[in-house]
Amino acid sequence: MVNRVAIVAVGGNALIKDNNHKTIYDQYDAARDTVDHITNMIEDGWNVIITHGNGPQVGFDMRRSELAAHELHSVPLDYCDADTQGAIGYMFQRAMRNELRRRGIDKVAATLVTLVRVSADDPAFNNPTKPVGSFLDEKTAQERRKEGKTMIEDAGRGWRRVVPSPQPVEIIEAEAINTLIKAGVVVIATGGGGIPVVENEVGDLVGIEAVIDKDYASSLLANVIDADLLLFATNVEKVALNFNTPNETWLDKMTIAEAKQYIEEGQFAPGSMKPKIEACIKYLENGGRQVLVTDPKNILRALKGETGTWIVP
């Protein structure tokens, strides 16, 4: 019988500590550091599913594709999602296997490349907003527009492609993930929010050029497998009100009602803390038990109630 099950959602930039540490080997070292803290949870009796972001890595893949366009075929965005799910999963999987062996824990880790179905009618398809890939000059951006891509000028830094960010509807491999976790496997899944797919008129799944928010996908997965805890391992020890101001206030706990009020007040930055808090609310409103937000090194302390921010119904 599986006791406590936790989804540990690792932040999108967790593998890239700064601009001087972007190589594959740097990213693996960062994954190993994070895994060390997650293994503490496993040692403490938790069964863990790791989800993760892949934004920077997809951007690198797209840039490689652009630079090689004179010689090689381009790589569609859904395939970039698949490639990075496998590569980042490999980092976590190898680091986790080594750490489990080092501690004498009889478990294995496995990466599951995960498809996530979205609705073809999602309004996001009429309003692409998610920037992907590298900054381009205006001439190149106009060429991309002729190819049917949506381009925007980004705060004077250049032009970027934007794609839809639809809501996740179904984790296609949810049953497989559940089976693995019940067997005691440490699972790495729904990387980058999953590979977005839609169902066509004959019921086949078709990959699309879009990005699913990883926090919303983690929330959906937590509900589907009835996880006991949704844990967002991010870059702050606690959630704050008036973040980075003289009136900054760190929160130990908040309810759904309080979280909604803070969102209404504009307390949480879009693309940063806001989607995490929205994902927390969605998970709890759909029957979830509790959410914890903290940084990786403080996971165990937070689980003991010594730090972190708890969000409850």
Protein backbone atom coordinates (compact mmCIF):
# COMPACT_ATOMS: atom_id res chain seq x y z
CA MET A 1 0.00 0.00 0.00
CA VAL A 2 1.29 3.43 -0.95
CA ASN A 3 1.25 5.79 2.01
CA ARG A 4 1.96 9.47 1.33
CA VAL A 5 2.25 10.57 -2.30
CA ALA A 6 3.70 13.97 -3.23
CA ILE A 7 4.02 15.78 -6.53
CA VAL A 8 7.24 17.82 -6.35
CA ALA A 9 7.09 20.49 -9.04
CA VAL A 10 10.60 21.80 -9.68
CA GLY A 11 10.86 25.35 -11.04
CA GLY A 12 11.66 25.98 -14.70
CA ASN A 13 15.01 27.65 -14.03
CA ALA A 14 16.12 25.24 -11.30
CA LEU A 15 18.67 23.64 -13.63
CA ILE A 16 20.28 26.94 -14.65
CA LYS A 17 21.69 28.74 -11.64
CA ASP A 18 23.03 31.75 -13.58
CA ASN A 19 24.24 32.84 -17.03
CA ASN A 20 27.66 31.31 -16.41
CA HIS A 21 26.27 27.85 -15.68
CA LYS A 22 24.17 26.81 -18.68
CA THR A 23 26.01 23.79 -20.06
CA ILE A 24 24.57 20.29 -19.91
CA TYR A 25 27.07 19.42 -17.18
CA ASP A 26 26.11 22.51 -15.17
CA GLN A 27 22.45 21.54 -15.49
CA TYR A 28 23.17 18.01 -14.32
CA ASP A 29 25.00 19.35 -11.26
CA ALA A 30 21.96 21.52 -10.45
CA ALA A 31 19.63 18.52 -10.92
CA ARG A 32 21.81 16.50 -8.57
CA ASP A 33 21.56 19.22 -5.89
CA THR A 34 17.76 19.27 -6.17
CA VAL A 35 17.54 15.48 -6.13
CA ASP A 36 19.55 15.39 -2.91
CA HIS A 37 16.80 17.40 -1.16
CA ILE A 38 13.97 15.37 -2.74
CA THR A 39 15.64 12.13 -1.63
CA ASN A 40 15.37 13.38 1.94
CA MET A 41 11.59 13.24 1.44
CA ILE A 42 11.80 9.70 0.07
CA GLU A 43 13.93 8.66 3.04
CA ASP A 44 11.23 10.17 5.26
CA GLY A 45 8.59 7.88 3.74
CA TRP A 46 7.18 9.88 0.83
CA ASN A 47 6.47 8.43 -2.60
CA VAL A 48 7.46 11.11 -5.08
CA ILE A 49 6.58 12.18 -8.60
CA ILE A 50 8.89 14.89 -9.93
CA THR A 51 7.56 17.36 -12.47
CA HIS A 52 9.75 20.10 -13.93
CA GLY A 53 9.95 23.07 -16.24
CA ASN A 54 11.79 23.09 -19.57
CA GLY A 55 11.48 26.68 -20.82
CA PRO A 56 15.18 27.54 -21.17
CA GLN A 57 16.01 24.13 -22.62
CA VAL A 58 13.28 24.38 -25.27
CA GLY A 59 14.65 27.83 -26.12
CA PHE A 60 18.14 26.34 -26.60
CA ASP A 61 16.72 23.60 -28.85
CA MET A 62 14.83 26.11 -30.97
CA ARG A 63 17.95 28.27 -31.31
CA ARG A 64 20.00 25.27 -32.42
CA SER A 65 17.32 24.52 -35.00
CA GLU A 66 17.43 28.14 -36.26
CA LEU A 67 21.23 28.15 -36.53
CA ALA A 68 21.22 24.86 -38.42
CA ALA A 69 18.35 25.79 -40.76
CA HIS A 70 20.72 26.13 -43.75
CA GLU A 71 21.68 22.48 -43.38
CA LEU A 72 19.05 20.54 -41.41
CA HIS A 73 15.26 20.33 -41.14
CA SER A 74 13.61 22.38 -38.39
CA VAL A 75 12.25 20.80 -35.20
CA PRO A 76 8.58 21.52 -34.38
CA LEU A 77 7.82 22.81 -30.88
CA ASP A 78 6.04 19.66 -29.67
CA TYR A 79 9.15 17.64 -30.62
CA CYS A 80 11.31 20.14 -28.70
CA ASP A 81 9.05 19.44 -25.73
CA ALA A 82 9.57 15.71 -26.19
CA ASP A 83 13.34 16.04 -26.61
CA THR A 84 13.73 18.14 -23.46
CA GLN A 85 11.40 15.92 -21.41
CA GLY A 86 13.69 13.00 -22.23
CA ALA A 87 16.94 14.90 -21.64
CA ILE A 88 15.92 16.56 -18.36
CA GLY A 89 14.26 13.35 -17.23
CA TYR A 90 17.55 11.57 -17.88
CA MET A 91 19.35 14.08 -15.63
CA PHE A 92 16.91 13.62 -12.76
CA GLN A 93 16.67 9.88 -13.29
CA ARG A 94 20.42 9.30 -13.25
CA ALA A 95 20.99 11.66 -10.32
CA MET A 96 18.15 10.02 -8.38
CA ARG A 97 19.39 6.48 -9.08
CA ASN A 98 22.87 7.41 -7.87
CA GLU A 99 21.56 9.11 -4.72
CA LEU A 100 19.20 6.22 -3.88
CA ARG A 101 22.06 3.74 -4.27
CA ARG A 102 24.36 5.93 -2.16
CA ARG A 103 21.82 5.94 0.69
CA GLY A 104 20.96 2.26 0.39
CA ILE A 105 17.32 2.93 -0.58
CA ASP A 106 15.83 0.07 -2.61
CA LYS A 107 13.96 2.09 -5.23
CA VAL A 108 14.34 2.89 -8.90
CA ALA A 109 13.61 6.10 -10.81
CA ALA A 110 11.92 6.20 -14.21
CA THR A 111 11.11 8.98 -16.66
CA LEU A 112 7.80 8.87 -18.50
CA VAL A 113 7.56 11.12 -21.56
CA THR A 114 4.06 12.46 -21.03
CA LEU A 115 1.37 13.70 -23.41
CA VAL A 116 -1.18 16.19 -22.10
CA ARG A 117 -4.42 16.73 -23.99
CA VAL A 118 -5.78 20.24 -24.41
CA SER A 119 -9.01 21.37 -26.00
CA ALA A 120 -8.84 22.43 -29.66
CA ASP A 121 -11.45 25.08 -28.70
CA ASP A 122 -9.32 26.60 -25.93
CA PRO A 123 -9.50 30.41 -26.30
CA ALA A 124 -5.70 30.54 -25.92
CA PHE A 125 -5.40 29.46 -29.56
CA ASN A 126 -6.93 32.79 -30.59
CA ASN A 127 -4.54 34.74 -28.39
CA PRO A 128 -0.95 33.40 -28.36
CA THR A 129 0.91 34.94 -25.40
CA LYS A 130 3.73 32.59 -24.36
CA PRO A 131 7.16 33.74 -25.63
CA VAL A 132 9.42 30.93 -26.84
CA GLY A 133 12.85 30.77 -28.42
CA SER A 134 15.49 33.44 -28.80
CA PHE A 135 15.29 37.18 -29.46
CA LEU A 136 15.36 38.06 -33.17
CA ASP A 137 15.87 41.22 -35.20
CA GLU A 138 12.87 42.78 -36.93
CA LYS A 139 13.84 41.55 -40.42
CA THR A 140 14.02 37.92 -39.26
CA ALA A 141 10.80 38.34 -37.27
CA GLN A 142 8.96 39.55 -40.38
CA GLU A 143 10.24 36.50 -42.29
CA ARG A 144 8.86 34.27 -39.52
CA ARG A 145 5.52 36.06 -39.81
CA LYS A 146 5.38 35.16 -43.49
CA GLU A 147 5.82 31.53 -42.41
CA GLY A 148 2.65 31.89 -40.30
CA LYS A 149 4.30 32.37 -36.90
CA THR A 150 3.06 35.01 -34.42
CA MET A 151 5.82 37.46 -33.46
CA ILE A 152 5.86 40.26 -30.89
CA GLU A 153 8.32 42.99 -29.98
CA ASP A 154 9.50 42.30 -26.42
CA ALA A 155 10.30 45.38 -24.29
CA GLY A 156 12.91 46.76 -26.67
CA ARG A 157 15.03 43.61 -26.42
CA GLY A 158 14.08 42.27 -29.84
CA TRP A 159 11.33 40.18 -31.39
CA ARG A 160 10.17 36.81 -30.10
CA ARG A 161 7.76 34.19 -31.25
CA VAL A 162 4.66 33.68 -29.08
CA VAL A 163 2.54 30.52 -28.98
CA PRO A 164 -0.76 29.57 -27.32
CA SER A 165 -0.75 28.38 -23.70
CA PRO A 166 -3.93 26.28 -23.40
CA GLN A 167 -5.23 24.71 -20.18
CA PRO A 168 -4.41 21.02 -19.59
CA VAL A 169 -7.48 18.78 -19.79
CA GLU A 170 -6.16 15.21 -19.52
CA ILE A 171 -2.85 13.57 -18.58
CA ILE A 172 -2.77 10.79 -21.18
CA GLU A 173 -0.36 8.57 -19.22
CA ALA A 174 -1.99 9.16 -15.80
CA GLU A 175 -2.81 5.49 -15.32
CA ALA A 176 0.78 4.47 -16.11
CA ILE A 177 2.11 7.10 -13.67
CA ASN A 178 -0.26 5.81 -10.98
CA THR A 179 0.82 2.22 -11.58
CA LEU A 180 4.50 3.16 -11.28
CA ILE A 181 4.05 5.17 -8.08
CA LYS A 182 2.04 2.33 -6.49
CA ALA A 183 4.95 0.03 -7.35
CA GLY A 184 7.28 2.31 -5.40
CA VAL A 185 9.00 3.84 -8.44
CA VAL A 186 10.23 7.45 -8.25
CA VAL A 187 8.57 8.91 -11.36
CA ILE A 188 9.66 11.90 -13.44
CA ALA A 189 6.68 12.97 -15.57
CA THR A 190 4.77 15.82 -17.28
CA GLY A 191 8.03 17.69 -17.86
CA GLY A 192 7.49 21.23 -19.12
CA GLY A 193 3.75 20.82 -18.62
CA GLY A 194 3.69 17.81 -20.94
CA ILE A 195 3.67 17.57 -24.73
CA PRO A 196 0.47 19.35 -25.86
CA VAL A 197 -1.82 17.25 -28.04
CA VAL A 198 -5.38 17.59 -29.30
CA GLU A 199 -7.80 14.87 -30.37
CA ASN A 200 -8.85 14.99 -34.02
CA GLU A 201 -12.19 14.01 -35.50
CA VAL A 202 -11.30 10.28 -35.61
CA GLY A 203 -9.93 10.21 -32.06
CA ASP A 204 -6.23 10.32 -32.92
CA LEU A 205 -3.89 12.51 -30.87
CA VAL A 206 -2.09 15.22 -32.84
CA GLY A 207 0.85 17.27 -31.52
CA ILE A 208 0.44 21.04 -31.60
CA GLU A 209 2.72 24.06 -31.35
CA ALA A 210 1.83 25.31 -27.88
CA VAL A 211 3.15 25.43 -24.31
CA ILE A 212 1.20 24.13 -21.31
CA ASP A 213 1.95 25.85 -18.03
CA LYS A 214 3.88 23.31 -15.94
CA ASP A 215 2.21 24.45 -12.71
CA TYR A 216 -1.31 23.83 -14.07
CA ALA A 217 -0.24 20.43 -15.41
CA SER A 218 1.27 19.49 -12.03
CA SER A 219 -1.97 20.56 -10.32
CA LEU A 220 -4.07 18.41 -12.68
CA LEU A 221 -1.79 15.41 -12.19
CA ALA A 222 -1.98 15.81 -8.40
CA ASN A 223 -5.79 15.68 -8.60
CA VAL A 224 -5.90 12.77 -11.03
CA ILE A 225 -3.66 10.52 -8.93
CA ASP A 226 -5.14 11.81 -5.64
CA ALA A 227 -1.79 13.01 -4.29
CA ASP A 228 -1.57 13.87 -0.59
CA LEU A 229 0.64 16.88 -1.23
CA LEU A 230 1.44 19.25 -4.09
CA LEU A 231 4.84 20.80 -3.40
CA PHE A 232 6.23 23.66 -5.48
CA ALA A 233 10.03 23.69 -5.12
CA THR A 234 10.83 27.21 -6.26
CA ASN A 235 13.49 29.86 -5.70
CA VAL A 236 12.04 31.41 -2.51
CA GLU A 237 11.72 29.93 0.97
CA LYS A 238 8.20 31.33 1.42
CA VAL A 239 5.53 33.19 -0.54
CA ALA A 240 5.64 36.93 0.12
CA LEU A 241 3.24 39.84 -0.06
CA ASN A 242 4.74 43.08 -1.42
CA PHE A 243 7.67 41.03 -2.70
CA ASN A 244 10.99 42.88 -2.96
CA THR A 245 9.63 46.05 -1.33
CA PRO A 246 10.24 47.61 2.12
CA ASN A 247 6.80 46.25 3.15
CA GLU A 248 7.65 42.65 2.21
CA THR A 249 5.75 40.17 4.40
CA TRP A 250 6.43 36.42 4.34
CA LEU A 251 3.43 34.10 4.65
CA ASP A 252 3.37 30.92 6.74
CA LYS A 253 -0.10 29.88 5.62
CA MET A 254 -3.05 31.00 3.50
CA THR A 255 -6.47 29.69 2.59
CA ILE A 256 -8.06 29.54 -0.86
CA ALA A 257 -10.06 32.67 -0.06
CA GLU A 258 -6.95 34.57 1.02
CA ALA A 259 -5.02 33.38 -2.05
CA LYS A 260 -7.80 34.63 -4.35
CA GLN A 261 -7.83 37.98 -2.56
CA TYR A 262 -4.05 38.37 -2.96
CA ILE A 263 -4.31 37.55 -6.69
CA GLU A 264 -7.08 40.16 -7.03
CA GLU A 265 -4.77 42.69 -5.35
CA GLY A 266 -2.02 41.92 -7.87
CA GLN A 267 0.35 40.55 -5.23
CA PHE A 268 1.80 37.78 -7.39
CA ALA A 269 3.78 38.32 -10.59
CA PRO A 270 2.44 36.79 -13.84
CA GLY A 271 4.79 34.11 -15.18
CA SER A 272 6.31 33.67 -11.72
CA MET A 273 4.34 33.17 -8.49
CA LYS A 274 0.86 33.88 -9.88
CA PRO A 275 0.46 30.67 -11.94
CA LYS A 276 1.72 28.63 -8.97
CA ILE A 277 -0.91 30.13 -6.66
CA GLU A 278 -3.62 29.69 -9.32
CA ALA A 279 -2.55 26.05 -9.72
CA CYS A 280 -2.69 25.61 -5.93
CA ILE A 281 -6.25 26.96 -5.85
CA LYS A 282 -7.32 24.68 -8.71
CA TYR A 283 -5.85 21.60 -7.01
CA LEU A 284 -7.51 22.37 -3.66
CA GLU A 285 -10.89 23.27 -5.20
CA ASN A 286 -10.88 19.93 -7.01
CA GLY A 287 -10.43 17.93 -3.83
CA GLY A 288 -6.71 18.37 -3.13
CA ARG A 289 -5.54 18.24 0.48
CA GLN A 290 -2.67 20.71 0.91
CA VAL A 291 0.01 22.63 -0.97
CA LEU A 292 3.47 23.66 0.16
CA VAL A 293 5.66 26.31 -1.49
CA THR A 294 9.35 26.51 -0.53
CA ASP A 295 12.86 26.20 -1.96
CA PRO A 296 14.52 22.78 -2.41
CA LYS A 297 17.04 23.10 0.43
CA ASN A 298 14.24 23.79 2.94
CA ILE A 299 11.86 21.00 1.91
CA LEU A 300 12.35 18.87 5.04
CA ARG A 301 12.16 21.86 7.38
CA ALA A 302 9.01 23.04 5.62
CA LEU A 303 7.39 19.60 5.91
CA LYS A 304 8.01 19.83 9.66
CA GLY A 305 6.25 23.20 9.74
CA GLU A 306 9.40 25.21 10.40
CA THR A 307 9.29 27.27 7.18
CA GLY A 308 7.63 27.43 3.76
CA THR A 309 4.10 28.58 2.92
CA TRP A 310 1.19 26.16 3.33
CA ILE A 311 -1.96 26.68 1.27
CA VAL A 312 -5.07 24.88 2.52
CA PRO A 313 -8.79 24.72 1.64
